[in-house]
Amino acid sequence: MLPIVASPEEHIEKLLSTPRENEGNILAWYEHRLGFIATTARLMLMPLDDHLAHRGDGIFETVKYCGGRLYDLSGHLDRMKRSSAGIYLSPPCGWEEIRSIIIEVAAAGQEPLGMVRILLGRGPGGFGIDPKECPLASLYVVAYRFTQPSEGWYARGLAGFRTSIPSKQGYLARIKNANYLPNVLMVREGREKGADIPFCFTEEGHLAESAVANICLVDRHGTLVVPCLANTLAGTTLMRAIDLLKHEREHSFRTVTEQDILEAQEVFILGTGPECAAVVSYEGTPIGSGKPGPVSASLRGLLQKTLYATGTPIPGLG
């Protein structure tokens, strides 16, 4: 028979004495119901009846910080506001307060390099599907360690493949929602194939995105080509990259086919973690010279400079 624990003290003692995976990488966390920042990873828990947990009813953002500066915090919060409106979910507090909480949680982690994950859920209240069960939205903010990819990783470049997982519906693809099961399956498929970057396509055969990054290419004319965003989440790094290159390189949003990928001078991914990384092969066929090209290298440098120049300082770290 399983023991029944009725004592809160015994429950907490058991939680604290039970190791959990990855706990050493959790720097600090916040839950809005509790109203304080904590640093004990073993007590970082979500109510099982939060619709975020059992229905995926919620949204999230991930903000990178480096050198004690949060990268494009305003851009991430603006997208979170759009995602929130897209699923008719109001946060439990004002957006300026959320901004302050993010900065304070990062500061409490006391490390200059990391990530902050912000989760906004429908909230606890029951195990049904109706949002009316949840009287108040939930908010979780977690700062955790992040390891920057090595220069060797960037220099080798990445191997791309066509994933069997179709792109999300246009409406859901444009909302950074908590249902990432298709993205998870793409990454799993990549591991099975021994490849790095899944290329996800629409039913019409047009390139959409990767699992956690946007994909761009430089065509044979030297134009930066961005797959049209109908079935794609517009990444904050993508939009910043376009802004950085707008005066020195022509760009266009259009449909991209497999043939376009194979004929490109360069292909690269843009995302919060890697910033900009070259894809040097697709389905075993080299792209361009088969090595990282000058545009991806230049763009990565520009993105890094922007991070330090415009990032939001974290008190005590930046």
C-alpha atoms as a PDB file:
ATOM      1  CA  MET A   1       0.000   0.000   0.000  1.00  0.00           C
ATOM      2  CA  LEU A   2       1.158   3.506  -0.782  1.00  0.00           C
ATOM      3  CA  PRO A   3       1.602   5.762   2.248  1.00  0.00           C
ATOM      4  CA  ILE A   4      -0.779   8.676   2.675  1.00  0.00           C
ATOM      5  CA  VAL A   5       0.881  11.874   3.840  1.00  0.00           C
ATOM      6  CA  ALA A   6      -1.469  14.347   5.494  1.00  0.00           C
ATOM      7  CA  SER A   7       1.118  16.508   7.212  1.00  0.00           C
ATOM      8  CA  PRO A   8       2.338  19.523   5.174  1.00  0.00           C
ATOM      9  CA  GLU A   9       5.606  19.412   7.107  1.00  0.00           C
ATOM     10  CA  GLU A  10       6.222  15.771   6.161  1.00  0.00           C
ATOM     11  CA  HIS A  11       5.292  16.557   2.559  1.00  0.00           C
ATOM     12  CA  ILE A  12       7.774  19.443   2.355  1.00  0.00           C
ATOM     13  CA  GLU A  13      10.474  17.362   4.046  1.00  0.00           C
ATOM     14  CA  LYS A  14      10.008  14.624   1.439  1.00  0.00           C
ATOM     15  CA  LEU A  15      10.181  17.134  -1.411  1.00  0.00           C
ATOM     16  CA  LEU A  16      13.388  18.628  -0.080  1.00  0.00           C
ATOM     17  CA  SER A  17      15.029  15.226   0.401  1.00  0.00           C
ATOM     18  CA  THR A  18      14.118  13.932  -3.074  1.00  0.00           C
ATOM     19  CA  PRO A  19      16.658  14.780  -5.802  1.00  0.00           C
ATOM     20  CA  ARG A  20      15.332  16.003  -9.136  1.00  0.00           C
ATOM     21  CA  GLU A  21      16.952  15.977 -12.551  1.00  0.00           C
ATOM     22  CA  ASN A  22      18.693  19.153 -13.677  1.00  0.00           C
ATOM     23  CA  GLU A  23      18.163  20.930 -10.366  1.00  0.00           C
ATOM     24  CA  GLY A  24      21.680  22.338 -10.481  1.00  0.00           C
ATOM     25  CA  ASN A  25      20.787  24.389 -13.554  1.00  0.00           C
ATOM     26  CA  ILE A  26      17.833  26.174 -11.919  1.00  0.00           C
ATOM     27  CA  LEU A  27      19.033  29.560 -10.668  1.00  0.00           C
ATOM     28  CA  ALA A  28      15.847  31.230  -9.400  1.00  0.00           C
ATOM     29  CA  TRP A  29      12.116  31.043  -9.935  1.00  0.00           C
ATOM     30  CA  TYR A  30       8.861  32.838  -9.223  1.00  0.00           C
ATOM     31  CA  GLU A  31       5.216  31.784  -9.047  1.00  0.00           C
ATOM     32  CA  HIS A  32       2.578  34.496  -8.929  1.00  0.00           C
ATOM     33  CA  ARG A  33       0.349  32.687  -6.389  1.00  0.00           C
ATOM     34  CA  LEU A  34       3.241  32.720  -3.913  1.00  0.00           C
ATOM     35  CA  GLY A  35       4.469  36.203  -4.713  1.00  0.00           C
ATOM     36  CA  PHE A  36       8.169  35.704  -3.978  1.00  0.00           C
ATOM     37  CA  ILE A  37      11.372  34.612  -5.702  1.00  0.00           C
ATOM     38  CA  ALA A  38      12.844  31.293  -4.588  1.00  0.00           C
ATOM     39  CA  THR A  39      16.120  29.515  -5.289  1.00  0.00           C
ATOM     40  CA  THR A  40      15.261  26.006  -4.072  1.00  0.00           C
ATOM     41  CA  ALA A  41      14.760  23.964  -7.238  1.00  0.00           C
ATOM     42  CA  ARG A  42      13.133  21.045  -5.435  1.00  0.00           C
ATOM     43  CA  LEU A  43      10.170  23.237  -4.509  1.00  0.00           C
ATOM     44  CA  MET A  44       9.658  24.544  -8.050  1.00  0.00           C
ATOM     45  CA  LEU A  45       6.263  22.983  -8.744  1.00  0.00           C
ATOM     46  CA  MET A  46       3.173  23.651 -10.868  1.00  0.00           C
ATOM     47  CA  PRO A  47      -0.356  22.752  -9.657  1.00  0.00           C
ATOM     48  CA  LEU A  48      -1.534  19.662 -11.538  1.00  0.00           C
ATOM     49  CA  ASP A  49      -4.925  21.266 -12.135  1.00  0.00           C
ATOM     50  CA  ASP A  50      -3.406  24.285 -13.876  1.00  0.00           C
ATOM     51  CA  HIS A  51      -4.797  24.112 -17.394  1.00  0.00           C
ATOM     52  CA  LEU A  52      -1.290  24.969 -18.573  1.00  0.00           C
ATOM     53  CA  ALA A  53      -0.180  21.548 -17.277  1.00  0.00           C
ATOM     54  CA  HIS A  54      -2.949  19.233 -18.482  1.00  0.00           C
ATOM     55  CA  ARG A  55      -4.341  21.122 -21.496  1.00  0.00           C
ATOM     56  CA  GLY A  56      -1.350  23.091 -22.754  1.00  0.00           C
ATOM     57  CA  ASP A  57      -3.574  26.128 -22.330  1.00  0.00           C
ATOM     58  CA  GLY A  58      -1.027  28.883 -22.108  1.00  0.00           C
ATOM     59  CA  ILE A  59       1.832  30.730 -23.764  1.00  0.00           C
ATOM     60  CA  PHE A  60       5.510  31.293 -23.077  1.00  0.00           C
ATOM     61  CA  GLU A  61       8.620  33.234 -24.004  1.00  0.00           C
ATOM     62  CA  THR A  62      12.317  32.571 -23.481  1.00  0.00           C
ATOM     63  CA  VAL A  63      14.696  35.498 -23.015  1.00  0.00           C
ATOM     64  CA  LYS A  64      18.451  35.076 -23.177  1.00  0.00           C
ATOM     65  CA  TYR A  65      20.813  37.122 -21.063  1.00  0.00           C
ATOM     66  CA  CYS A  66      24.529  37.464 -21.544  1.00  0.00           C
ATOM     67  CA  GLY A  67      27.054  39.716 -19.852  1.00  0.00           C
ATOM     68  CA  GLY A  68      24.317  40.598 -17.370  1.00  0.00           C
ATOM     69  CA  ARG A  69      22.012  41.997 -20.079  1.00  0.00           C
ATOM     70  CA  LEU A  70      18.636  40.668 -21.200  1.00  0.00           C
ATOM     71  CA  TYR A  71      18.417  40.486 -24.968  1.00  0.00           C
ATOM     72  CA  ASP A  72      15.406  42.196 -26.617  1.00  0.00           C
ATOM     73  CA  LEU A  73      13.204  41.980 -23.533  1.00  0.00           C
ATOM     74  CA  SER A  74      10.713  44.445 -25.023  1.00  0.00           C
ATOM     75  CA  GLY A  75      10.448  42.423 -28.229  1.00  0.00           C
ATOM     76  CA  HIS A  76       9.699  39.244 -26.301  1.00  0.00           C
ATOM     77  CA  LEU A  77       7.109  40.959 -24.115  1.00  0.00           C
ATOM     78  CA  ASP A  78       5.422  42.531 -27.138  1.00  0.00           C
ATOM     79  CA  ARG A  79       5.092  39.101 -28.747  1.00  0.00           C
ATOM     80  CA  MET A  80       3.826  37.662 -25.467  1.00  0.00           C
ATOM     81  CA  LYS A  81       1.120  40.324 -25.393  1.00  0.00           C
ATOM     82  CA  ARG A  82       0.055  39.314 -28.908  1.00  0.00           C
ATOM     83  CA  SER A  83       0.057  35.634 -27.979  1.00  0.00           C
ATOM     84  CA  SER A  84      -1.938  36.402 -24.846  1.00  0.00           C
ATOM     85  CA  ALA A  85      -4.562  38.258 -26.840  1.00  0.00           C
ATOM     86  CA  GLY A  86      -4.594  35.437 -29.399  1.00  0.00           C
ATOM     87  CA  ILE A  87      -5.836  32.914 -26.815  1.00  0.00           C
ATOM     88  CA  TYR A  88      -7.969  35.407 -24.836  1.00  0.00           C
ATOM     89  CA  LEU A  89      -5.803  35.162 -21.737  1.00  0.00           C
ATOM     90  CA  SER A  90      -5.173  38.096 -19.413  1.00  0.00           C
ATOM     91  CA  PRO A  91      -2.146  37.926 -17.104  1.00  0.00           C
ATOM     92  CA  PRO A  92      -2.664  38.023 -13.331  1.00  0.00           C
ATOM     93  CA  CYS A  93      -0.837  41.362 -13.127  1.00  0.00           C
ATOM     94  CA  GLY A  94       0.215  44.226 -15.388  1.00  0.00           C
ATOM     95  CA  TRP A  95       2.808  43.812 -18.133  1.00  0.00           C
ATOM     96  CA  GLU A  96       5.160  46.319 -16.543  1.00  0.00           C
ATOM     97  CA  GLU A  97       5.078  44.261 -13.355  1.00  0.00           C
ATOM     98  CA  ILE A  98       5.883  41.141 -15.389  1.00  0.00           C
ATOM     99  CA  ARG A  99       8.837  42.986 -16.909  1.00  0.00           C
ATOM    100  CA  SER A 100      10.120  43.875 -13.434  1.00  0.00           C
ATOM    101  CA  ILE A 101       9.653  40.302 -12.207  1.00  0.00           C
ATOM    102  CA  ILE A 102      11.710  38.950 -15.119  1.00  0.00           C
ATOM    103  CA  ILE A 103      14.578  41.296 -14.318  1.00  0.00           C
ATOM    104  CA  GLU A 104      14.429  40.513 -10.592  1.00  0.00           C
ATOM    105  CA  VAL A 105      14.381  36.743 -11.149  1.00  0.00           C
ATOM    106  CA  ALA A 106      17.411  36.982 -13.456  1.00  0.00           C
ATOM    107  CA  ALA A 107      19.201  39.088 -10.848  1.00  0.00           C
ATOM    108  CA  ALA A 108      18.374  36.582  -8.103  1.00  0.00           C
ATOM    109  CA  GLY A 109      20.120  33.870 -10.138  1.00  0.00           C
ATOM    110  CA  GLN A 110      23.399  35.779  -9.619  1.00  0.00           C
ATOM    111  CA  GLU A 111      24.970  34.590 -12.880  1.00  0.00           C
ATOM    112  CA  PRO A 112      25.639  36.805 -15.947  1.00  0.00           C
ATOM    113  CA  LEU A 113      24.732  34.170 -18.564  1.00  0.00           C
ATOM    114  CA  GLY A 114      21.455  32.309 -18.702  1.00  0.00           C
ATOM    115  CA  MET A 115      17.899  32.091 -19.934  1.00  0.00           C
ATOM    116  CA  VAL A 116      14.612  33.248 -18.442  1.00  0.00           C
ATOM    117  CA  ARG A 117      11.478  31.249 -19.250  1.00  0.00           C
ATOM    118  CA  ILE A 118       8.167  33.079 -18.754  1.00  0.00           C
ATOM    119  CA  LEU A 119       5.036  30.925 -18.685  1.00  0.00           C
ATOM    120  CA  LEU A 120       1.541  32.382 -18.620  1.00  0.00           C
ATOM    121  CA  GLY A 121      -1.207  29.809 -18.124  1.00  0.00           C
ATOM    122  CA  ARG A 122      -4.970  29.704 -17.817  1.00  0.00           C
ATOM    123  CA  GLY A 123      -4.431  28.876 -14.157  1.00  0.00           C
ATOM    124  CA  PRO A 124      -5.422  26.198 -11.637  1.00  0.00           C
ATOM    125  CA  GLY A 125      -9.052  25.377 -10.982  1.00  0.00           C
ATOM    126  CA  GLY A 126      -9.989  21.956 -12.347  1.00  0.00           C
ATOM    127  CA  PHE A 127      -9.325  19.149 -14.789  1.00  0.00           C
ATOM    128  CA  GLY A 128     -11.930  20.085 -17.378  1.00  0.00           C
ATOM    129  CA  ILE A 129     -11.383  22.007 -20.589  1.00  0.00           C
ATOM    130  CA  ASP A 130     -13.535  25.085 -20.023  1.00  0.00           C
ATOM    131  CA  PRO A 131     -11.418  28.191 -19.210  1.00  0.00           C
ATOM    132  CA  LYS A 132     -14.166  29.270 -16.804  1.00  0.00           C
ATOM    133  CA  GLU A 133     -12.781  26.726 -14.327  1.00  0.00           C
ATOM    134  CA  CYS A 134      -9.782  28.985 -13.792  1.00  0.00           C
ATOM    135  CA  PRO A 135     -10.534  32.165 -11.821  1.00  0.00           C
ATOM    136  CA  LEU A 136      -7.036  33.632 -12.227  1.00  0.00           C
ATOM    137  CA  ALA A 137      -4.253  33.118 -14.744  1.00  0.00           C
ATOM    138  CA  SER A 138      -0.958  31.633 -13.594  1.00  0.00           C
ATOM    139  CA  LEU A 139       2.472  33.166 -14.082  1.00  0.00           C
ATOM    140  CA  TYR A 140       5.780  31.347 -13.689  1.00  0.00           C
ATOM    141  CA  VAL A 141       9.223  32.846 -14.300  1.00  0.00           C
ATOM    142  CA  VAL A 142      12.389  30.732 -14.155  1.00  0.00           C
ATOM    143  CA  ALA A 143      16.039  31.688 -14.615  1.00  0.00           C
ATOM    144  CA  TYR A 144      18.262  28.794 -15.605  1.00  0.00           C
ATOM    145  CA  ARG A 145      21.773  28.139 -16.837  1.00  0.00           C
ATOM    146  CA  PHE A 146      22.592  28.258 -20.530  1.00  0.00           C
ATOM    147  CA  THR A 147      25.749  27.055 -22.257  1.00  0.00           C
ATOM    148  CA  GLN A 148      26.729  29.097 -25.296  1.00  0.00           C
ATOM    149  CA  PRO A 149      27.619  26.870 -28.293  1.00  0.00           C
ATOM    150  CA  SER A 150      31.350  26.611 -28.939  1.00  0.00           C
ATOM    151  CA  GLU A 151      33.115  28.286 -31.845  1.00  0.00           C
ATOM    152  CA  GLY A 152      33.825  24.798 -33.190  1.00  0.00           C
ATOM    153  CA  TRP A 153      30.079  24.109 -33.299  1.00  0.00           C
ATOM    154  CA  TYR A 154      29.489  27.238 -35.371  1.00  0.00           C
ATOM    155  CA  ALA A 155      32.461  26.469 -37.641  1.00  0.00           C
ATOM    156  CA  ARG A 156      31.257  22.926 -38.401  1.00  0.00           C
ATOM    157  CA  GLY A 157      27.796  24.052 -39.421  1.00  0.00           C
ATOM    158  CA  LEU A 158      24.577  22.074 -39.106  1.00  0.00           C
ATOM    159  CA  ALA A 159      22.971  19.255 -41.078  1.00  0.00           C
ATOM    160  CA  GLY A 160      19.365  19.858 -42.103  1.00  0.00           C
ATOM    161  CA  PHE A 161      16.676  17.333 -42.982  1.00  0.00           C
ATOM    162  CA  ARG A 162      13.044  17.308 -44.072  1.00  0.00           C
ATOM    163  CA  THR A 163      10.942  16.342 -41.090  1.00  0.00           C
ATOM    164  CA  SER A 164       7.843  14.197 -41.480  1.00  0.00           C
ATOM    165  CA  ILE A 165       6.030  16.420 -38.965  1.00  0.00           C
ATOM    166  CA  PRO A 166       3.809  18.943 -40.807  1.00  0.00           C
ATOM    167  CA  SER A 167       3.744  22.633 -39.978  1.00  0.00           C
ATOM    168  CA  LYS A 168       1.208  23.887 -37.474  1.00  0.00           C
ATOM    169  CA  GLN A 169      -2.052  25.508 -38.496  1.00  0.00           C
ATOM    170  CA  GLY A 170      -1.475  29.124 -39.417  1.00  0.00           C
ATOM    171  CA  TYR A 171      -3.451  30.484 -36.458  1.00  0.00           C
ATOM    172  CA  LEU A 172      -1.577  28.407 -33.864  1.00  0.00           C
ATOM    173  CA  ALA A 173       1.795  28.740 -35.597  1.00  0.00           C
ATOM    174  CA  ARG A 174       1.727  32.501 -35.090  1.00  0.00           C
ATOM    175  CA  ILE A 175       1.064  32.186 -31.341  1.00  0.00           C
ATOM    176  CA  LYS A 176       3.909  31.057 -29.073  1.00  0.00           C
ATOM    177  CA  ASN A 177       1.645  28.621 -27.288  1.00  0.00           C
ATOM    178  CA  ALA A 178       2.604  25.936 -24.788  1.00  0.00           C
ATOM    179  CA  ASN A 179       1.725  23.020 -27.088  1.00  0.00           C
ATOM    180  CA  TYR A 180       5.148  22.142 -28.502  1.00  0.00           C
ATOM    181  CA  LEU A 181       4.478  18.461 -29.167  1.00  0.00           C
ATOM    182  CA  PRO A 182       5.102  18.810 -32.949  1.00  0.00           C
ATOM    183  CA  ASN A 183       8.392  20.583 -32.183  1.00  0.00           C
ATOM    184  CA  VAL A 184       9.383  17.845 -29.734  1.00  0.00           C
ATOM    185  CA  LEU A 185       8.693  15.159 -32.347  1.00  0.00           C
ATOM    186  CA  MET A 186      10.799  17.021 -34.914  1.00  0.00           C
ATOM    187  CA  VAL A 187      13.795  17.016 -32.572  1.00  0.00           C
ATOM    188  CA  ARG A 188      13.266  13.329 -31.799  1.00  0.00           C
ATOM    189  CA  GLU A 189      13.200  12.542 -35.505  1.00  0.00           C
ATOM    190  CA  GLY A 190      16.433  14.462 -35.998  1.00  0.00           C
ATOM    191  CA  ARG A 191      18.169  12.363 -33.351  1.00  0.00           C
ATOM    192  CA  GLU A 192      16.912   9.203 -35.057  1.00  0.00           C
ATOM    193  CA  LYS A 193      18.306  10.403 -38.391  1.00  0.00           C
ATOM    194  CA  GLY A 194      21.581  11.715 -36.998  1.00  0.00           C
ATOM    195  CA  ALA A 195      20.779  15.229 -38.253  1.00  0.00           C
ATOM    196  CA  ASP A 196      20.657  18.582 -36.499  1.00  0.00           C
ATOM    197  CA  ILE A 197      17.967  20.846 -37.895  1.00  0.00           C
ATOM    198  CA  PRO A 198      14.453  19.804 -38.950  1.00  0.00           C
ATOM    199  CA  PHE A 199      12.964  21.667 -41.908  1.00  0.00           C
ATOM    200  CA  CYS A 200       9.188  21.772 -41.509  1.00  0.00           C
ATOM    201  CA  PHE A 201       6.935  22.231 -44.570  1.00  0.00           C
ATOM    202  CA  THR A 202       3.314  23.148 -45.228  1.00  0.00           C
ATOM    203  CA  GLU A 203       0.903  20.843 -47.050  1.00  0.00           C
ATOM    204  CA  GLU A 204       1.658  22.853 -50.202  1.00  0.00           C
ATOM    205  CA  GLY A 205       5.346  21.983 -49.914  1.00  0.00           C
ATOM    206  CA  HIS A 206       6.537  25.396 -48.721  1.00  0.00           C
ATOM    207  CA  LEU A 207       9.184  25.804 -46.023  1.00  0.00           C
ATOM    208  CA  ALA A 208       7.774  26.989 -42.689  1.00  0.00           C
ATOM    209  CA  GLU A 209      10.344  26.821 -39.869  1.00  0.00           C
ATOM    210  CA  SER A 210      12.499  24.577 -37.707  1.00  0.00           C
ATOM    211  CA  ALA A 211      11.660  23.189 -34.277  1.00  0.00           C
ATOM    212  CA  VAL A 212      12.811  26.216 -32.258  1.00  0.00           C
ATOM    213  CA  ALA A 213      14.204  28.607 -34.854  1.00  0.00           C
ATOM    214  CA  ASN A 214      13.418  30.425 -38.058  1.00  0.00           C
ATOM    215  CA  ILE A 215      15.180  29.366 -41.259  1.00  0.00           C
ATOM    216  CA  CYS A 216      16.423  31.887 -43.830  1.00  0.00           C
ATOM    217  CA  LEU A 217      18.475  31.594 -46.985  1.00  0.00           C
ATOM    218  CA  VAL A 218      20.597  33.737 -49.255  1.00  0.00           C
ATOM    219  CA  ASP A 219      19.535  32.981 -52.834  1.00  0.00           C
ATOM    220  CA  ARG A 220      21.790  32.890 -55.893  1.00  0.00           C
ATOM    221  CA  HIS A 221      21.236  36.621 -56.415  1.00  0.00           C
ATOM    222  CA  GLY A 222      22.426  37.447 -52.884  1.00  0.00           C
ATOM    223  CA  THR A 223      18.957  38.318 -51.574  1.00  0.00           C
ATOM    224  CA  LEU A 224      18.056  37.377 -48.014  1.00  0.00           C
ATOM    225  CA  VAL A 225      14.930  35.239 -48.374  1.00  0.00           C
ATOM    226  CA  VAL A 226      12.577  34.731 -45.442  1.00  0.00           C
ATOM    227  CA  PRO A 227       9.861  32.080 -45.791  1.00  0.00           C
ATOM    228  CA  CYS A 228       6.455  33.766 -45.679  1.00  0.00           C
ATOM    229  CA  LEU A 229       5.093  33.821 -42.142  1.00  0.00           C
ATOM    230  CA  ALA A 230       1.656  32.286 -42.774  1.00  0.00           C
ATOM    231  CA  ASN A 231       2.578  29.059 -40.929  1.00  0.00           C
ATOM    232  CA  THR A 232       5.525  30.390 -38.974  1.00  0.00           C
ATOM    233  CA  LEU A 233       6.182  32.105 -35.668  1.00  0.00           C
ATOM    234  CA  ALA A 234       7.950  35.399 -36.336  1.00  0.00           C
ATOM    235  CA  GLY A 235      11.009  35.054 -34.143  1.00  0.00           C
ATOM    236  CA  THR A 236      12.357  38.053 -32.257  1.00  0.00           C
ATOM    237  CA  THR A 237      15.864  37.201 -33.512  1.00  0.00           C
ATOM    238  CA  LEU A 238      14.558  36.992 -37.076  1.00  0.00           C
ATOM    239  CA  MET A 239      12.952  40.420 -36.917  1.00  0.00           C
ATOM    240  CA  ARG A 240      16.066  41.934 -35.356  1.00  0.00           C
ATOM    241  CA  ALA A 241      18.234  40.338 -38.069  1.00  0.00           C
ATOM    242  CA  ILE A 242      16.097  41.819 -40.836  1.00  0.00           C
ATOM    243  CA  ASP A 243      16.363  45.237 -39.204  1.00  0.00           C
ATOM    244  CA  LEU A 244      20.151  44.943 -38.922  1.00  0.00           C
ATOM    245  CA  LEU A 245      20.585  43.966 -42.582  1.00  0.00           C
ATOM    246  CA  LYS A 246      17.949  46.182 -44.195  1.00  0.00           C
ATOM    247  CA  HIS A 247      20.418  48.861 -45.331  1.00  0.00           C
ATOM    248  CA  GLU A 248      23.055  46.510 -46.709  1.00  0.00           C
ATOM    249  CA  ARG A 249      21.175  43.575 -48.205  1.00  0.00           C
ATOM    250  CA  GLU A 250      17.894  43.247 -50.051  1.00  0.00           C
ATOM    251  CA  HIS A 251      15.404  40.920 -48.437  1.00  0.00           C
ATOM    252  CA  SER A 252      12.070  39.409 -49.356  1.00  0.00           C
ATOM    253  CA  PHE A 253       9.320  37.349 -47.758  1.00  0.00           C
ATOM    254  CA  ARG A 254       8.183  34.623 -50.142  1.00  0.00           C
ATOM    255  CA  THR A 255       7.402  30.932 -50.425  1.00  0.00           C
ATOM    256  CA  VAL A 256      10.466  28.675 -50.312  1.00  0.00           C
ATOM    257  CA  THR A 257      10.659  25.193 -51.830  1.00  0.00           C
ATOM    258  CA  GLU A 258      13.172  22.385 -51.391  1.00  0.00           C
ATOM    259  CA  GLN A 259      14.718  23.376 -54.703  1.00  0.00           C
ATOM    260  CA  ASP A 260      15.297  26.899 -53.385  1.00  0.00           C
ATOM    261  CA  ILE A 261      17.122  25.421 -50.407  1.00  0.00           C
ATOM    262  CA  LEU A 262      19.392  23.294 -52.577  1.00  0.00           C
ATOM    263  CA  GLU A 263      20.192  26.219 -54.905  1.00  0.00           C
ATOM    264  CA  ALA A 264      20.904  28.716 -52.098  1.00  0.00           C
ATOM    265  CA  GLN A 265      24.296  30.280 -51.472  1.00  0.00           C
ATOM    266  CA  GLU A 266      23.688  30.050 -47.735  1.00  0.00           C
ATOM    267  CA  VAL A 267      21.064  28.727 -45.343  1.00  0.00           C
ATOM    268  CA  PHE A 268      21.011  29.551 -41.632  1.00  0.00           C
ATOM    269  CA  ILE A 269      18.820  29.412 -38.569  1.00  0.00           C
ATOM    270  CA  LEU A 270      17.935  32.342 -36.326  1.00  0.00           C
ATOM    271  CA  GLY A 271      16.892  31.795 -32.732  1.00  0.00           C
ATOM    272  CA  THR A 272      17.322  32.931 -29.146  1.00  0.00           C
ATOM    273  CA  GLY A 273      19.908  30.310 -28.197  1.00  0.00           C
ATOM    274  CA  PRO A 274      22.192  30.019 -31.236  1.00  0.00           C
ATOM    275  CA  GLU A 275      21.524  33.567 -32.505  1.00  0.00           C
ATOM    276  CA  CYS A 276      22.646  32.720 -36.071  1.00  0.00           C
ATOM    277  CA  ALA A 277      24.091  29.372 -37.167  1.00  0.00           C
ATOM    278  CA  ALA A 278      24.789  28.066 -40.674  1.00  0.00           C
ATOM    279  CA  VAL A 279      23.130  24.974 -42.137  1.00  0.00           C
ATOM    280  CA  VAL A 280      25.750  23.480 -44.456  1.00  0.00           C
ATOM    281  CA  SER A 281      23.843  20.482 -45.829  1.00  0.00           C
ATOM    282  CA  TYR A 282      20.264  19.445 -46.515  1.00  0.00           C
ATOM    283  CA  GLU A 283      19.277  15.784 -46.771  1.00  0.00           C
ATOM    284  CA  GLY A 284      22.949  14.950 -47.283  1.00  0.00           C
ATOM    285  CA  THR A 285      23.497  17.464 -50.108  1.00  0.00           C
ATOM    286  CA  PRO A 286      25.945  20.330 -49.449  1.00  0.00           C
ATOM    287  CA  ILE A 287      24.518  23.865 -49.424  1.00  0.00           C
ATOM    288  CA  GLY A 288      26.710  26.333 -51.291  1.00  0.00           C
ATOM    289  CA  SER A 289      30.337  25.516 -50.514  1.00  0.00           C
ATOM    290  CA  GLY A 290      29.299  23.084 -47.791  1.00  0.00           C
ATOM    291  CA  LYS A 291      30.780  25.439 -45.190  1.00  0.00           C
ATOM    292  CA  PRO A 292      29.365  28.357 -43.158  1.00  0.00           C
ATOM    293  CA  GLY A 293      29.115  31.424 -45.397  1.00  0.00           C
ATOM    294  CA  PRO A 294      29.965  35.101 -44.879  1.00  0.00           C
ATOM    295  CA  VAL A 295      26.403  36.337 -44.361  1.00  0.00           C
ATOM    296  CA  SER A 296      25.674  34.048 -41.416  1.00  0.00           C
ATOM    297  CA  ALA A 297      29.026  34.890 -39.818  1.00  0.00           C
ATOM    298  CA  SER A 298      28.497  38.626 -40.274  1.00  0.00           C
ATOM    299  CA  LEU A 299      24.941  38.461 -38.988  1.00  0.00           C
ATOM    300  CA  ARG A 300      25.939  36.552 -35.888  1.00  0.00           C
ATOM    301  CA  GLY A 301      28.491  39.255 -35.089  1.00  0.00           C
ATOM    302  CA  LEU A 302      25.907  41.993 -35.580  1.00  0.00           C
ATOM    303  CA  LEU A 303      23.415  40.220 -33.328  1.00  0.00           C
ATOM    304  CA  GLN A 304      25.990  39.825 -30.569  1.00  0.00           C
ATOM    305  CA  LYS A 305      26.958  43.492 -30.740  1.00  0.00           C
ATOM    306  CA  THR A 306      23.290  44.449 -30.541  1.00  0.00           C
ATOM    307  CA  LEU A 307      22.853  42.281 -27.466  1.00  0.00           C
ATOM    308  CA  TYR A 308      25.524  44.143 -25.524  1.00  0.00           C
ATOM    309  CA  ALA A 309      24.588  47.562 -26.884  1.00  0.00           C
ATOM    310  CA  THR A 310      20.817  47.411 -26.380  1.00  0.00           C
ATOM    311  CA  GLY A 311      20.274  44.688 -23.781  1.00  0.00           C
ATOM    312  CA  THR A 312      18.401  45.490 -20.573  1.00  0.00           C
ATOM    313  CA  PRO A 313      20.888  45.601 -17.671  1.00  0.00           C
ATOM    314  CA  ILE A 314      20.270  43.195 -14.818  1.00  0.00           C
ATOM    315  CA  PRO A 315      21.000  44.894 -11.465  1.00  0.00           C
ATOM    316  CA  GLY A 316      24.189  43.557  -9.953  1.00  0.00           C
ATOM    317  CA  LEU A 317      25.101  41.686 -13.137  1.00  0.00           C
ATOM    318  CA  GLY A 318      24.991  44.146 -16.049  1.00  0.00           C
END
